Protein backbone atom coordinates (compact mmCIF):
# COMPACT_ATOMS: atom_id res chain seq x y z
CA UNK A 1 -13.06 115.20 -36.23
CA UNK A 2 -14.95 116.87 -33.25
CA UNK A 3 -13.34 116.24 -29.76
CA UNK A 4 -16.26 114.33 -28.51
CA UNK A 5 -16.09 111.85 -31.37
CA UNK A 6 -12.38 111.54 -31.04
CA UNK A 7 -12.68 110.65 -27.32
CA UNK A 8 -15.36 107.94 -28.03
CA UNK A 9 -13.09 106.38 -30.61
CA UNK A 10 -10.14 106.41 -28.22
CA UNK A 11 -12.34 104.72 -25.59
CA UNK A 12 -13.44 101.93 -27.83
CA UNK A 13 -9.88 101.25 -28.89
CA UNK A 14 -8.82 101.20 -25.31
CA UNK A 15 -11.52 98.84 -24.50
CA UNK A 16 -10.70 96.56 -27.25
CA UNK A 17 -6.99 96.54 -26.24
CA UNK A 18 -8.05 95.90 -22.57
CA UNK A 19 -10.13 92.86 -23.64
CA UNK A 20 -7.22 91.54 -25.67
CA UNK A 21 -4.99 91.74 -22.74
CA UNK A 22 -7.41 90.08 -20.38
CA UNK A 23 -8.09 87.18 -22.74
CA UNK A 24 -4.43 86.82 -23.09
CA UNK A 25 -3.99 86.67 -19.31
CA UNK A 26 -7.01 84.17 -18.74
CA UNK A 27 -5.94 81.55 -21.39
CA UNK A 28 -2.17 80.44 -20.87
CA UNK A 29 -2.28 78.20 -23.89
CA UNK A 30 -4.20 76.16 -26.45
CA UNK A 31 -6.59 73.62 -25.05
CA UNK A 32 -5.94 69.97 -25.89
CA UNK A 33 -7.74 68.29 -28.91
CA UNK A 34 -10.71 66.70 -26.89
CA UNK A 35 -11.53 70.20 -25.46
CA UNK A 36 -10.60 72.29 -28.51
CA UNK A 37 -14.32 73.05 -29.21
CA UNK A 38 -14.19 75.10 -25.93
CA UNK A 39 -11.66 77.47 -27.12
CA UNK A 40 -12.61 81.26 -26.74
CA UNK A 41 -13.27 83.62 -23.98
CA UNK A 42 -16.86 83.11 -23.94
CA UNK A 43 -16.46 79.58 -23.02
CA UNK A 44 -14.08 79.95 -19.96
CA UNK A 45 -17.02 79.55 -17.48
CA UNK A 46 -17.71 76.10 -18.83
CA UNK A 47 -14.90 74.82 -16.84
CA UNK A 48 -13.92 77.71 -14.57
CA UNK A 49 -15.48 79.80 -11.97
CA UNK A 50 -14.87 83.30 -12.64
CA UNK A 51 -11.59 84.22 -11.14
CA UNK A 52 -10.81 80.65 -9.90
CA UNK A 53 -9.35 77.30 -11.09
CA UNK A 54 -11.49 74.51 -12.77
CA UNK A 55 -13.70 72.70 -10.49
CA UNK A 56 -14.64 69.05 -10.31
CA UNK A 57 -18.22 69.96 -10.58
CA UNK A 58 -17.67 71.77 -13.88
CA UNK A 59 -15.72 68.73 -15.07
CA UNK A 60 -18.31 65.98 -14.15
CA UNK A 61 -21.08 68.15 -15.42
CA UNK A 62 -19.78 67.19 -18.85
CA UNK A 63 -18.08 63.91 -18.10
CA UNK A 64 -21.40 62.29 -16.88
CA UNK A 65 -20.01 58.70 -17.28
CA UNK A 66 -17.41 59.50 -14.72
CA UNK A 67 -19.78 61.10 -12.53
CA UNK A 68 -22.15 58.16 -12.79
CA UNK A 69 -19.34 55.61 -11.58
CA UNK A 70 -18.28 58.00 -8.75
CA UNK A 71 -22.01 58.08 -7.54
CA UNK A 72 -22.05 54.26 -7.66
CA UNK A 73 -18.68 54.17 -5.76
CA UNK A 74 -17.21 52.12 -8.61
CA UNK A 75 -14.07 52.39 -10.40
CA UNK A 76 -10.60 53.81 -10.51
CA UNK A 77 -11.91 57.42 -9.47
CA UNK A 78 -13.20 56.23 -6.07
CA UNK A 79 -9.94 54.43 -5.19
CA UNK A 80 -7.73 55.85 -2.47
CA UNK A 81 -5.25 57.10 -5.06
CA UNK A 82 -7.78 59.40 -6.64
CA UNK A 83 -10.41 60.13 -4.10
CA UNK A 84 -10.36 63.75 -2.98
CA UNK A 85 -8.07 65.06 -5.77
CA UNK A 86 -9.11 67.82 -8.08
CA UNK A 87 -9.49 66.45 -11.88
CA UNK A 88 -7.08 69.11 -13.01
CA UNK A 89 -4.39 67.43 -10.70
CA UNK A 90 -4.10 64.59 -13.25
CA UNK A 91 -5.79 66.11 -16.37
CA UNK A 92 -4.27 69.47 -16.79
CA UNK A 93 -5.26 71.72 -19.79
CA UNK A 94 -3.82 74.73 -21.85
CA UNK A 95 -0.78 72.61 -22.72
CA UNK A 96 -1.41 72.59 -26.44
CA UNK A 97 -3.70 70.71 -28.83
CA UNK A 98 -1.48 67.65 -28.94
CA UNK A 99 -1.21 67.21 -25.11
CA UNK A 100 -2.34 63.92 -23.93
CA UNK A 101 -4.96 64.37 -20.92
CA UNK A 102 -4.98 60.77 -20.00
CA UNK A 103 -1.31 59.56 -19.11
CA UNK A 104 -1.19 55.91 -17.64
CA UNK A 105 1.84 53.82 -17.52
CA UNK A 106 0.36 50.55 -18.44
CA UNK A 107 3.47 48.77 -17.11
CA UNK A 108 3.17 50.15 -13.50
CA UNK A 109 -0.66 50.61 -13.24
CA UNK A 110 -2.09 48.96 -10.32
CA UNK A 111 -5.41 47.42 -11.84
CA UNK A 112 -6.63 46.44 -8.48
CA UNK A 113 -7.43 50.24 -7.72
CA UNK A 114 -10.33 49.83 -10.49
CA UNK A 115 -12.16 47.24 -8.36
CA UNK A 116 -11.40 44.46 -10.68
CA UNK A 117 -8.24 42.38 -9.97
CA UNK A 118 -6.53 40.74 -12.76
CA UNK A 119 -6.32 36.82 -12.64
CA UNK A 120 -3.13 35.19 -13.80
CA UNK A 121 -4.33 34.70 -17.44
CA UNK A 122 -5.58 38.23 -17.57
CA UNK A 123 -2.60 39.81 -16.25
CA UNK A 124 -0.73 38.40 -19.22
CA UNK A 125 -3.10 40.38 -21.61
CA UNK A 126 -2.42 43.82 -23.01
CA UNK A 127 -4.77 46.77 -22.21
CA UNK A 128 -6.33 46.84 -25.63
CA UNK A 129 -7.20 43.08 -25.50
CA UNK A 130 -10.05 43.89 -22.92
CA UNK A 131 -10.46 47.68 -23.31
CA UNK A 132 -11.64 47.03 -26.98
CA UNK A 133 -14.83 48.76 -28.46
CA UNK A 134 -16.13 45.44 -29.44
CA UNK A 135 -16.62 44.66 -25.75
CA UNK A 136 -18.50 47.92 -25.00
CA UNK A 137 -22.13 47.82 -25.00
CA UNK A 138 -22.87 51.47 -24.39
CA UNK A 139 -23.24 53.10 -27.83
CA UNK A 140 -21.93 56.63 -26.57
CA UNK A 141 -18.63 55.08 -25.11
CA UNK A 142 -18.22 52.65 -27.95
CA UNK A 143 -17.47 55.84 -30.24
CA UNK A 144 -14.97 57.17 -27.99
CA UNK A 145 -11.22 56.58 -28.70
CA UNK A 146 -8.85 55.30 -26.25
CA UNK A 147 -11.47 54.98 -23.40
CA UNK A 148 -11.07 52.55 -20.63
CA UNK A 149 -14.83 52.73 -19.65
CA UNK A 150 -17.67 50.54 -20.56
CA UNK A 151 -16.05 47.15 -20.62
CA UNK A 152 -18.01 44.71 -18.35
CA UNK A 153 -16.63 42.44 -15.58
CA UNK A 154 -18.78 39.53 -16.55
CA UNK A 155 -16.88 36.51 -18.10
CA UNK A 156 -19.17 36.45 -21.10
CA UNK A 157 -18.61 40.05 -21.96
CA UNK A 158 -15.29 38.89 -23.59
CA UNK A 159 -15.62 35.09 -23.62
CA UNK A 160 -17.72 32.83 -25.68
CA UNK A 161 -20.21 31.01 -23.63
CA UNK A 162 -19.03 27.57 -23.98
CA UNK A 163 -22.07 26.04 -22.31
CA UNK A 164 -24.47 27.66 -24.87
CA UNK A 165 -26.63 29.17 -22.35
CA UNK A 166 -27.40 25.76 -20.79
CA UNK A 167 -25.97 26.88 -17.33
CA UNK A 168 -25.58 29.99 -15.31
CA UNK A 169 -23.79 32.98 -16.77
CA UNK A 170 -22.04 33.33 -13.35
CA UNK A 171 -18.88 31.43 -14.64
CA UNK A 172 -17.00 32.13 -11.36
CA UNK A 173 -19.45 29.98 -9.30
CA UNK A 174 -17.77 27.03 -10.72
CA UNK A 175 -14.42 28.19 -12.38
CA UNK A 176 -11.36 29.64 -10.88
CA UNK A 177 -10.27 32.80 -12.68
CA UNK A 178 -6.67 31.66 -12.40
CA UNK A 179 -7.09 28.44 -14.04
CA UNK A 180 -10.32 28.03 -15.73
CA UNK A 181 -10.14 24.26 -16.40
CA UNK A 182 -10.91 22.20 -14.49
CA UNK A 183 -13.99 23.84 -12.65
CA UNK A 184 -12.52 23.42 -9.26
CA UNK A 185 -15.30 25.32 -7.56
CA UNK A 186 -17.93 22.95 -8.73
CA UNK A 187 -19.50 20.64 -6.22
CA UNK A 188 -21.49 17.83 -7.63
CA UNK A 189 -23.10 17.45 -4.30
CA UNK A 190 -25.00 20.39 -5.22
CA UNK A 191 -26.38 18.80 -8.24
CA UNK A 192 -29.58 16.62 -8.61
CA UNK A 193 -27.42 13.57 -9.19
CA UNK A 194 -24.97 12.86 -6.21
CA UNK A 195 -21.83 11.02 -6.98
CA UNK A 196 -21.60 7.95 -4.71
CA UNK A 197 -19.28 4.81 -4.62
CA UNK A 198 -17.42 4.23 -7.93
CA UNK A 199 -19.17 7.32 -9.46
CA UNK A 200 -16.73 9.49 -7.56
CA UNK A 201 -13.82 8.26 -9.55
CA UNK A 202 -15.35 8.39 -13.10
CA UNK A 203 -13.97 10.90 -15.47
CA UNK A 204 -16.47 13.80 -16.12
CA UNK A 205 -16.31 13.10 -19.90
CA UNK A 206 -17.69 9.73 -19.33
CA UNK A 207 -20.98 11.12 -18.66
CA UNK A 208 -20.71 14.48 -19.88
CA UNK A 209 -19.87 13.86 -23.43
CA UNK A 210 -17.72 16.33 -25.60
CA UNK A 211 -19.18 16.95 -28.89
CA UNK A 212 -18.20 18.96 -31.93
CA UNK A 213 -20.83 21.11 -33.24
CA UNK A 214 -20.47 23.64 -36.11
CA UNK A 215 -16.66 23.32 -35.66
CA UNK A 216 -16.72 24.10 -31.89
CA UNK A 217 -16.57 21.77 -28.81
CA UNK A 218 -19.71 21.53 -26.59
CA UNK A 219 -19.95 19.43 -23.42
CA UNK A 220 -23.50 18.69 -22.06
CA UNK A 221 -23.99 19.24 -18.46
CA UNK A 222 -27.85 19.74 -18.32
CA UNK A 223 -30.64 17.54 -19.53
CA UNK A 224 -28.62 14.40 -18.91
CA UNK A 225 -30.97 11.37 -18.09
CA UNK A 226 -30.07 9.60 -14.80
CA UNK A 227 -33.38 8.03 -13.63
CA UNK A 228 -32.24 4.59 -14.48
CA UNK A 229 -28.61 2.98 -14.50
CA UNK A 230 -29.38 1.84 -18.01
CA UNK A 231 -29.52 5.48 -19.08
CA UNK A 232 -25.56 5.22 -18.85
CA UNK A 233 -24.77 1.44 -18.48
CA UNK A 234 -25.57 -1.38 -20.83
CA UNK A 235 -27.73 -3.92 -19.12
CA UNK A 236 -25.81 -7.22 -19.26
CA UNK A 237 -28.79 -9.23 -18.18
CA UNK A 238 -30.87 -7.97 -21.34
CA UNK A 239 -33.74 -6.99 -19.07
CA UNK A 240 -34.14 -10.23 -17.64
CA UNK A 241 -34.11 -8.99 -14.12
CA UNK A 242 -35.97 -5.68 -14.89
CA UNK A 243 -34.43 -2.16 -14.91
CA UNK A 244 -34.01 -1.66 -11.18
CA UNK A 245 -30.29 -2.42 -11.01
CA UNK A 246 -30.09 -1.42 -7.28
CA UNK A 247 -32.11 -4.49 -6.31
CA UNK A 248 -28.73 -6.35 -6.61
CA UNK A 249 -26.00 -3.91 -7.14
CA UNK A 250 -24.70 -0.66 -5.54
CA UNK A 251 -22.54 2.22 -6.48
CA UNK A 252 -19.68 0.92 -4.33
CA UNK A 253 -19.03 -2.09 -6.73
CA UNK A 254 -21.16 -3.55 -9.51
CA UNK A 255 -19.11 -6.79 -9.16
CA UNK A 256 -20.53 -7.42 -5.51
CA UNK A 257 -24.07 -8.55 -5.49
CA UNK A 258 -26.06 -7.74 -2.52
CA UNK A 259 -29.15 -9.74 -1.07
CA UNK A 260 -32.40 -8.62 -2.52
CA UNK A 261 -35.99 -8.97 -1.89
CA UNK A 262 -37.34 -11.29 -4.61
CA UNK A 263 -34.21 -13.03 -5.59
CA UNK A 264 -32.59 -15.50 -3.20
CA UNK A 265 -30.04 -17.91 -4.65
CA UNK A 266 -30.85 -20.43 -2.10
CA UNK A 267 -34.31 -20.93 -3.66
CA UNK A 268 -32.38 -22.31 -6.66
CA UNK A 269 -31.17 -25.91 -7.11
CA UNK A 270 -27.75 -24.69 -5.68
CA UNK A 271 -27.58 -23.03 -2.44
CA UNK A 272 -24.77 -20.56 -1.86
CA UNK A 273 -23.01 -21.68 1.16
CA UNK A 274 -19.47 -21.29 2.80
CA UNK A 275 -16.90 -19.90 0.26
CA UNK A 276 -19.58 -19.95 -2.54
CA UNK A 277 -21.33 -17.15 -0.87
CA UNK A 278 -18.41 -14.60 -1.71
CA UNK A 279 -17.63 -15.92 -5.06
CA UNK A 280 -18.12 -13.29 -7.98
CA UNK A 281 -21.27 -14.25 -9.99
CA UNK A 282 -19.28 -14.27 -13.24
CA UNK A 283 -17.05 -16.81 -12.22
CA UNK A 284 -19.99 -19.31 -12.65
CA UNK A 285 -22.42 -17.43 -14.76
CA UNK A 286 -19.69 -16.71 -17.43
CA UNK A 287 -22.05 -16.19 -20.38
CA UNK A 288 -25.59 -15.43 -18.92
CA UNK A 289 -27.08 -15.36 -15.49
CA UNK A 290 -30.18 -17.28 -16.72
CA UNK A 291 -28.51 -20.18 -18.54
CA UNK A 292 -28.71 -23.44 -16.79
CA UNK A 293 -25.40 -24.55 -15.24
CA UNK A 294 -24.18 -28.07 -14.05
CA UNK A 295 -23.52 -28.28 -10.41
CA UNK A 296 -24.13 -31.86 -9.26
CA UNK A 297 -20.42 -32.34 -8.83
CA UNK A 298 -17.63 -30.15 -7.63
CA UNK A 299 -15.66 -30.96 -10.80
CA UNK A 300 -18.56 -29.31 -12.87
CA UNK A 301 -16.88 -26.01 -11.97
CA UNK A 302 -13.53 -27.02 -10.10
CA UNK A 303 -10.53 -28.64 -11.88
CA UNK A 304 -9.53 -32.04 -10.27
CA UNK A 305 -6.46 -30.82 -8.40
CA UNK A 306 -5.36 -34.35 -7.56
CA UNK A 307 -5.30 -35.38 -11.20
CA UNK A 308 -7.38 -38.59 -10.57
CA UNK A 309 -5.14 -40.01 -7.85
CA UNK A 310 -8.08 -41.25 -5.97
CA UNK A 311 -10.04 -42.51 -9.01
CA UNK A 312 -11.18 -46.13 -8.93
CA UNK A 313 -12.18 -47.71 -12.35
CA UNK A 314 -11.50 -44.39 -14.03
CA UNK A 315 -13.99 -42.68 -11.79
CA UNK A 316 -12.99 -40.02 -9.11
CA UNK A 317 -15.00 -39.50 -5.96
CA UNK A 318 -16.57 -36.13 -5.59
CA UNK A 319 -14.48 -33.43 -3.91
CA UNK A 320 -17.29 -33.43 -1.04
CA UNK A 321 -15.83 -36.67 0.28
CA UNK A 322 -12.94 -34.89 1.77
CA UNK A 323 -13.61 -31.13 1.57
CA UNK A 324 -16.46 -28.72 2.53
CA UNK A 325 -17.71 -25.58 1.04
CA UNK A 326 -16.03 -23.64 4.04
CA UNK A 327 -12.58 -24.13 2.08
CA UNK A 328 -10.43 -26.67 0.40
CA UNK A 329 -7.80 -26.54 3.22
CA UNK A 330 -10.45 -28.07 5.56
CA UNK A 331 -10.21 -31.73 5.03
CA UNK A 332 -12.84 -34.45 6.14
CA UNK A 333 -10.34 -37.24 5.58
CA UNK A 334 -10.01 -38.66 9.01
CA UNK A 335 -7.50 -40.95 10.67
CA UNK A 336 -9.80 -43.73 10.56
CA UNK A 337 -10.18 -43.41 6.80
CA UNK A 338 -6.51 -43.15 6.33
CA UNK A 339 -5.90 -46.50 8.39
CA UNK A 340 -8.00 -48.28 5.92
CA UNK A 341 -5.51 -47.59 3.36
CA UNK A 342 -2.11 -49.22 2.66
CA UNK A 343 -0.33 -47.30 5.36
CA UNK A 344 -2.14 -47.16 8.72
CA UNK A 345 -1.08 -44.29 10.95
CA UNK A 346 0.22 -45.34 14.26
CA UNK A 347 2.45 -43.89 17.09
CA UNK A 348 3.96 -40.56 16.20
CA UNK A 349 2.66 -40.86 12.72
CA UNK A 350 -0.71 -39.94 13.98
CA UNK A 351 0.55 -36.44 14.86
CA UNK A 352 2.41 -35.66 11.57
CA UNK A 353 0.71 -32.94 9.47
CA UNK A 354 -0.56 -34.31 6.10
CA UNK A 355 1.76 -32.05 4.12
CA UNK A 356 4.93 -33.49 5.84
CA UNK A 357 4.33 -36.70 3.77
CA UNK A 358 1.95 -35.56 0.92
CA UNK A 359 3.20 -32.20 -0.22
CA UNK A 360 7.05 -32.50 -0.13
CA UNK A 361 7.05 -30.53 -3.32
CA UNK A 362 4.82 -27.85 -4.88
CA UNK A 363 1.72 -30.10 -5.31
CA UNK A 364 0.07 -32.59 -3.27
CA UNK A 365 0.78 -36.29 -3.91
CA UNK A 366 -1.19 -39.14 -2.54
CA UNK A 367 0.05 -42.10 -4.80
CA UNK A 368 3.29 -43.91 -4.81
CA UNK A 369 4.92 -42.09 -2.06
CA UNK A 370 6.03 -45.54 -0.37
CA UNK A 371 5.33 -47.20 2.88
CA UNK A 372 8.94 -48.09 3.94
CA UNK A 373 10.62 -46.01 6.52
CA UNK A 374 13.41 -45.17 4.13
CA UNK A 375 10.83 -43.53 1.60
CA UNK A 376 10.46 -40.61 4.00
CA UNK A 377 13.34 -40.96 6.65
CA UNK A 378 16.88 -40.78 5.96
CA UNK A 379 19.07 -43.67 7.10
CA UNK A 380 21.14 -42.21 9.65
CA UNK A 381 23.09 -45.44 10.22
CA UNK A 382 24.54 -45.35 6.55
CA UNK A 383 25.44 -49.08 6.27
CA UNK A 384 27.08 -49.26 9.68
CA UNK A 385 24.88 -52.10 10.81
CA UNK A 386 25.31 -55.64 9.28
CA UNK A 387 22.71 -56.58 6.83
CA UNK A 388 21.82 -59.76 8.83
CA UNK A 389 20.59 -57.39 11.74
CA UNK A 390 19.28 -54.88 9.40
CA UNK A 391 17.41 -56.58 6.38
CA UNK A 392 16.25 -54.27 3.67
CA UNK A 393 17.05 -51.14 5.73
CA UNK A 394 13.96 -51.94 7.75
CA UNK A 395 14.09 -49.50 10.69
CA UNK A 396 11.13 -51.43 12.45
CA UNK A 397 13.79 -54.40 13.42
CA UNK A 398 14.97 -51.87 16.02
CA UNK A 399 12.67 -48.82 16.31
CA UNK A 400 9.04 -48.40 17.02
CA UNK A 401 6.63 -45.70 15.53
CA UNK A 402 6.09 -44.19 19.01
CA UNK A 403 9.47 -42.45 19.01
CA UNK A 404 12.94 -43.21 17.59
CA UNK A 405 14.48 -43.65 20.96
CA UNK A 406 12.52 -46.74 21.72
CA UNK A 407 14.73 -49.39 20.58
CA UNK A 408 13.54 -53.18 20.77
CA UNK A 409 16.62 -54.77 19.27
CA UNK A 410 17.53 -58.19 20.56
CA UNK A 411 21.05 -57.75 21.54
CA UNK A 412 21.40 -61.50 22.54
CA UNK A 413 21.46 -62.28 18.75
CA UNK A 414 24.86 -60.68 18.71
CA UNK A 415 28.28 -62.16 20.07
CA UNK A 416 27.79 -59.74 22.99
CA UNK A 417 24.70 -60.30 25.41
CA UNK A 418 23.48 -57.43 27.42
CA UNK A 419 23.37 -57.98 31.23
CA UNK A 420 23.20 -55.90 34.28
CA UNK A 421 23.67 -52.17 33.96
CA UNK A 422 24.41 -52.67 30.27
CA UNK A 423 20.70 -53.31 29.88
CA UNK A 424 19.98 -49.80 31.09
CA UNK A 425 22.31 -48.10 28.70
CA UNK A 426 21.35 -46.26 25.58
CA UNK A 427 22.61 -47.65 22.28
CA UNK A 428 24.56 -44.24 21.76
CA UNK A 429 26.66 -44.90 24.96
CA UNK A 430 28.47 -47.94 23.19
CA UNK A 431 27.83 -47.51 19.50
CA UNK A 432 28.34 -43.62 19.10
CA UNK A 433 31.60 -41.62 19.67
CA UNK A 434 33.24 -38.46 18.67
CA UNK A 435 36.51 -38.20 16.33
CA UNK A 436 39.17 -35.63 17.05
CA UNK A 437 37.16 -32.97 15.40
CA UNK A 438 34.18 -33.66 17.43
CA UNK A 439 32.29 -35.30 14.70
CA UNK A 440 29.80 -37.94 15.70
CA UNK A 441 30.71 -41.48 14.50
CA UNK A 442 28.53 -44.73 14.41
CA UNK A 443 29.99 -48.11 14.88
CA UNK A 444 27.83 -51.28 15.20
CA UNK A 445 30.10 -54.01 13.83
CA UNK A 446 33.63 -55.18 14.67
CA UNK A 447 33.41 -53.76 18.35
CA UNK A 448 35.68 -55.59 20.77
CA UNK A 449 34.06 -57.12 23.63
CA UNK A 450 36.66 -56.12 26.37
CA UNK A 451 35.69 -53.73 29.03
CA UNK A 452 38.46 -51.43 28.24
CA UNK A 453 36.97 -50.91 24.93
CA UNK A 454 34.35 -48.76 26.37
CA UNK A 455 35.53 -48.22 29.89
CA UNK A 456 38.66 -46.45 31.21
CA UNK A 457 41.24 -48.83 33.23
CA UNK A 458 41.50 -46.86 36.47
CA UNK A 459 44.07 -49.35 37.51
CA UNK A 460 46.47 -48.43 34.67
CA UNK A 461 47.15 -51.91 33.42
CA UNK A 462 48.17 -53.25 36.80
CA UNK A 463 46.17 -56.34 36.22
CA UNK A 464 46.85 -56.75 32.50
CA UNK A 465 47.94 -60.14 31.09
CA UNK A 466 49.44 -60.17 27.84
CA UNK A 467 48.26 -56.68 27.27
CA UNK A 468 44.53 -57.27 28.27
CA UNK A 469 42.78 -56.56 31.33
CA UNK A 470 40.15 -59.05 32.36
CA UNK A 471 37.80 -56.85 34.57
CA UNK A 472 35.45 -59.70 35.10
CA UNK A 473 37.80 -61.47 37.40
CA UNK A 474 36.81 -58.79 40.20
CA UNK A 475 33.84 -56.86 38.59
CA UNK A 476 30.48 -57.77 37.05
CA UNK A 477 27.96 -56.14 34.78
CA UNK A 478 25.66 -55.19 37.82
CA UNK A 479 28.20 -53.04 39.59
CA UNK A 480 31.72 -51.82 39.57
CA UNK A 481 32.16 -52.87 43.02
CA UNK A 482 34.94 -55.55 43.10
CA UNK A 483 32.58 -58.33 44.58
CA UNK A 484 34.48 -61.12 42.91
CA UNK A 485 37.84 -60.20 44.20
CA UNK A 486 39.44 -62.69 46.67
CA UNK A 487 42.72 -61.43 48.25
CA UNK A 488 43.62 -64.88 49.16
CA UNK A 489 44.06 -65.80 45.59
CA UNK A 490 46.93 -63.09 45.30
CA UNK A 491 50.68 -63.60 46.38
CA UNK A 492 49.71 -62.04 49.63
CA UNK A 493 47.04 -64.01 51.67
CA UNK A 494 45.20 -61.93 54.34
CA UNK A 495 45.33 -63.46 57.91
CA UNK A 496 45.42 -62.19 61.45
CA UNK A 497 44.93 -58.55 61.80
CA UNK A 498 45.49 -57.93 58.10
CA UNK A 499 41.89 -59.21 57.57
CA UNK A 500 40.41 -56.25 59.50
CA UNK A 501 42.38 -53.55 57.87
CA UNK A 502 40.87 -51.11 55.17
CA UNK A 503 42.33 -51.62 51.76
CA UNK A 504 43.46 -48.01 51.76
CA UNK A 505 46.06 -48.79 54.53
CA UNK A 506 48.16 -50.73 52.32
CA UNK A 507 46.94 -49.64 48.76
CA UNK A 508 47.83 -45.96 48.77
CA UNK A 509 47.73 -43.41 45.87
CA UNK A 510 50.71 -43.11 43.70
CA UNK A 511 51.73 -40.36 41.26
CA UNK A 512 53.51 -40.96 38.12
CA UNK A 513 54.01 -37.82 36.17
CA UNK A 514 50.36 -36.15 36.08
CA UNK A 515 48.77 -39.51 36.72
CA UNK A 516 47.54 -40.51 40.22
CA UNK A 517 46.28 -43.98 40.82
CA UNK A 518 45.94 -46.56 43.58
CA UNK A 519 48.63 -48.96 43.57
CA UNK A 520 47.48 -52.54 43.96
CA UNK A 521 50.44 -54.43 42.78
CA UNK A 522 53.06 -54.28 45.57
CA UNK A 523 56.33 -55.47 44.66
CA UNK A 524 57.49 -56.50 48.17
CA UNK A 525 55.86 -58.16 51.02
CA UNK A 526 58.38 -57.37 53.72
CA UNK A 527 56.94 -56.39 57.13
CA UNK A 528 59.23 -53.29 57.42
CA UNK A 529 57.78 -52.05 54.07
CA UNK A 530 54.64 -51.23 55.92
CA UNK A 531 55.58 -51.36 59.64
CA UNK A 532 57.99 -49.19 61.29
């Protein structure tokens, strides 16, 4: 072999060996599966700038879907955790064909960095439940395996349109992602039909009926008729008053009928006055508002509460004889009318409320309640007065109807006529007393006529004869002063200077034990008994 040819062959072999060494230095290992098509020294510049590391520009030139989201400032790659980093910092290569380029810890990954926060129900889902090819509309991304791109954030991307395109597709305008039912964000005030009065408390399903169509539930919210009340409510009047229910009713209460132009109950044969004006219509119009009703007498509607107590010859007077439409508690039965009955009201009876006599029990009673005092009043004397002074327990023998304290009993009819100061005493002073326990006792018969029976003997029996003191020998009923006493009728007649002496000079106080009294009975009449 010529030398020139040998040298050329050596150069070619050396060059080949050199290239082999360079390639071995440039590629530290096999590329991962997704980049396996870029194997070979001729493809290095697809990712690398000569003599440098891979650049983001090179990566994003191929991964256009990431480039597009970065340009739109969307997704995980524009978050604070990724922004500013090189792609190779997270997705390193030349680690072998089986190396996993995308390595995410699904248990600790913060989904908020993607720009889509997970609601409570979504947080309970697995990644594959949402990042599923069936929810990806992009045909290129749909074919990729294990991609997290392409899934839309609109509710209807994953969920069935329950409203079947009858409402807006912006579900979150009404619903809360943390609890989809009920639609707490929905405000009925923004709808064409405002909820007023009782409508505020009606369940939604009462108007928005839930139906099952083709095996799926559907609740209608749009296209519901509401121009007339009868669109939802049955007309109980059967169109006798027209379809404009608001003439009489309001949303606040269908039971309350308001005054309306064109209908005035006072133009009927029965004017609504007093309590009748606030009565629920159905209490009278039980079957129909147009059927004629009897109304000539109160008992056409009202029960005779008194059960014919006032009936004469089987006919009861109308309630209006005593009552008015302002209320049954207001009575027109006057004192003058009462005095035409069997028991005229006089004295204190005129001030007694009706219920004191006529409603002693639960119901009113006007018949057979009695006209004698004992029928209403308790006999406080309890047989202590002799029957001859107290016939048939007739209180009027002594008392008047003005007040109980007025007593007109003729005491002269008894064995003890009242005279002097006795005529000015109350009956209780003589006929009432207290026992040892403080209980009040009455006694009208069998009383002794002696003064000491009622009065205390201040002389302590000095003038007693046979155990009885006759006070009337000195005193009289007008005054306790001893106007009837005559000293000359005693054993010691007064004469001379004795006539002028005050009684206390001779009759001095004496004390016996704890008792002090004036001594009038002097045992001796010796001068030296009084004079020194």
